[in-house]
């Protein structure tokens, strides 16, 4: 389960998702298999992953609560 998910740019200004979740070796391994290294970044200082926007469907498959973050801030 995601604990944080916001639309965010990476260091180069590319659009994607900044995500946080509790450590899960299986999820991390799956993320690395499904998202090429050019489309993901780990930030060890702030402990989050950045994933390129084109991998939104992959994030939906990996995290059942991903879509709930899509609507955050749009309800009101």
C-alpha atoms as a PDB file:
ATOM      1  CA  UNK A   1       0.000   0.000   0.000  1.00  0.00           C
ATOM      2  CA  UNK A   2       1.171   3.482  -0.828  1.00  0.00           C
ATOM      3  CA  UNK A   3       1.623   5.877   2.054  1.00  0.00           C
ATOM      4  CA  UNK A   4       2.240   8.873  -0.222  1.00  0.00           C
ATOM      5  CA  UNK A   5       1.698   9.525  -3.904  1.00  0.00           C
ATOM      6  CA  UNK A   6       1.864  12.904  -5.617  1.00  0.00           C
ATOM      7  CA  UNK A   7       2.373  14.085  -9.153  1.00  0.00           C
ATOM      8  CA  UNK A   8       5.936  15.387  -9.257  1.00  0.00           C
ATOM      9  CA  UNK A   9       8.836  16.130 -11.538  1.00  0.00           C
ATOM     10  CA  UNK A  10      12.193  14.454 -11.228  1.00  0.00           C
ATOM     11  CA  UNK A  11      15.592  16.189 -11.106  1.00  0.00           C
ATOM     12  CA  UNK A  12      15.427  16.744 -14.891  1.00  0.00           C
ATOM     13  CA  UNK A  13      11.893  18.145 -14.748  1.00  0.00           C
ATOM     14  CA  UNK A  14      10.204  15.088 -16.241  1.00  0.00           C
ATOM     15  CA  UNK A  15       6.636  14.476 -15.098  1.00  0.00           C
ATOM     16  CA  UNK A  16       5.899  11.444 -12.976  1.00  0.00           C
ATOM     17  CA  UNK A  17       4.842  10.187  -9.581  1.00  0.00           C
ATOM     18  CA  UNK A  18       6.615  10.545  -6.261  1.00  0.00           C
ATOM     19  CA  UNK A  19       5.616   7.494  -4.233  1.00  0.00           C
ATOM     20  CA  UNK A  20       6.333   6.170  -0.751  1.00  0.00           C
ATOM     21  CA  UNK A  21       5.440   2.820   0.750  1.00  0.00           C
ATOM     22  CA  UNK A  22       6.584   0.620   3.593  1.00  0.00           C
ATOM     23  CA  UNK A  23       9.576  -1.520   2.712  1.00  0.00           C
ATOM     24  CA  UNK A  24       8.564  -4.592   0.723  1.00  0.00           C
ATOM     25  CA  UNK A  25      11.335  -6.433  -1.119  1.00  0.00           C
ATOM     26  CA  UNK A  26       8.870  -8.119  -3.498  1.00  0.00           C
ATOM     27  CA  UNK A  27       7.245  -4.829  -4.514  1.00  0.00           C
ATOM     28  CA  UNK A  28      10.635  -3.216  -5.055  1.00  0.00           C
ATOM     29  CA  UNK A  29      11.811  -6.127  -7.195  1.00  0.00           C
ATOM     30  CA  UNK A  30       8.599  -6.037  -9.249  1.00  0.00           C
ATOM     31  CA  UNK A  31       8.893  -2.268  -9.677  1.00  0.00           C
ATOM     32  CA  UNK A  32      12.451  -2.714 -10.951  1.00  0.00           C
ATOM     33  CA  UNK A  33      11.353  -5.436 -13.387  1.00  0.00           C
ATOM     34  CA  UNK A  34       8.376  -3.518 -14.783  1.00  0.00           C
ATOM     35  CA  UNK A  35       9.783   0.006 -14.864  1.00  0.00           C
ATOM     36  CA  UNK A  36      13.087   0.573 -16.716  1.00  0.00           C
ATOM     37  CA  UNK A  37      15.845   2.265 -14.728  1.00  0.00           C
ATOM     38  CA  UNK A  38      15.515   5.327 -16.973  1.00  0.00           C
ATOM     39  CA  UNK A  39      11.911   5.753 -15.760  1.00  0.00           C
ATOM     40  CA  UNK A  40      12.454   5.338 -12.016  1.00  0.00           C
ATOM     41  CA  UNK A  41      14.649   6.948  -9.388  1.00  0.00           C
ATOM     42  CA  UNK A  42      15.208   6.183  -5.713  1.00  0.00           C
ATOM     43  CA  UNK A  43      15.831   9.165  -3.427  1.00  0.00           C
ATOM     44  CA  UNK A  44      17.622   7.743  -0.370  1.00  0.00           C
ATOM     45  CA  UNK A  45      17.647  11.033   1.558  1.00  0.00           C
ATOM     46  CA  UNK A  46      13.878  11.502   1.474  1.00  0.00           C
ATOM     47  CA  UNK A  47      13.126   7.783   1.009  1.00  0.00           C
ATOM     48  CA  UNK A  48      10.806   7.940  -2.003  1.00  0.00           C
ATOM     49  CA  UNK A  49      10.652   6.578  -5.545  1.00  0.00           C
ATOM     50  CA  UNK A  50       9.978   8.702  -8.596  1.00  0.00           C
ATOM     51  CA  UNK A  51       8.298   6.819 -11.457  1.00  0.00           C
ATOM     52  CA  UNK A  52       7.724   8.252 -14.932  1.00  0.00           C
ATOM     53  CA  UNK A  53       4.153   9.245 -15.791  1.00  0.00           C
ATOM     54  CA  UNK A  54       3.888   6.684 -18.595  1.00  0.00           C
ATOM     55  CA  UNK A  55       4.040   3.914 -15.954  1.00  0.00           C
ATOM     56  CA  UNK A  56       0.842   4.975 -14.216  1.00  0.00           C
ATOM     57  CA  UNK A  57      -0.864   1.703 -15.227  1.00  0.00           C
ATOM     58  CA  UNK A  58       1.991  -0.268 -13.658  1.00  0.00           C
ATOM     59  CA  UNK A  59       1.544   1.672 -10.429  1.00  0.00           C
ATOM     60  CA  UNK A  60      -2.185   0.856 -10.495  1.00  0.00           C
ATOM     61  CA  UNK A  61      -1.331  -2.844 -10.727  1.00  0.00           C
ATOM     62  CA  UNK A  62       1.295  -2.746  -7.977  1.00  0.00           C
ATOM     63  CA  UNK A  63      -0.628  -0.621  -5.476  1.00  0.00           C
ATOM     64  CA  UNK A  64      -4.336  -1.182  -4.966  1.00  0.00           C
ATOM     65  CA  UNK A  65      -4.729   2.262  -3.395  1.00  0.00           C
ATOM     66  CA  UNK A  66      -2.977   4.166  -6.214  1.00  0.00           C
ATOM     67  CA  UNK A  67      -6.220   5.397  -7.767  1.00  0.00           C
ATOM     68  CA  UNK A  68      -7.404   6.874  -4.477  1.00  0.00           C
ATOM     69  CA  UNK A  69      -4.464   9.282  -4.705  1.00  0.00           C
ATOM     70  CA  UNK A  70      -5.513  10.331  -8.226  1.00  0.00           C
ATOM     71  CA  UNK A  71      -8.688  11.883  -6.864  1.00  0.00           C
ATOM     72  CA  UNK A  72      -7.130  13.469  -3.799  1.00  0.00           C
ATOM     73  CA  UNK A  73      -7.678  17.201  -3.892  1.00  0.00           C
ATOM     74  CA  UNK A  74     -10.190  16.937  -6.720  1.00  0.00           C
ATOM     75  CA  UNK A  75     -13.239  16.103  -4.624  1.00  0.00           C
ATOM     76  CA  UNK A  76     -13.745  19.574  -3.151  1.00  0.00           C
END
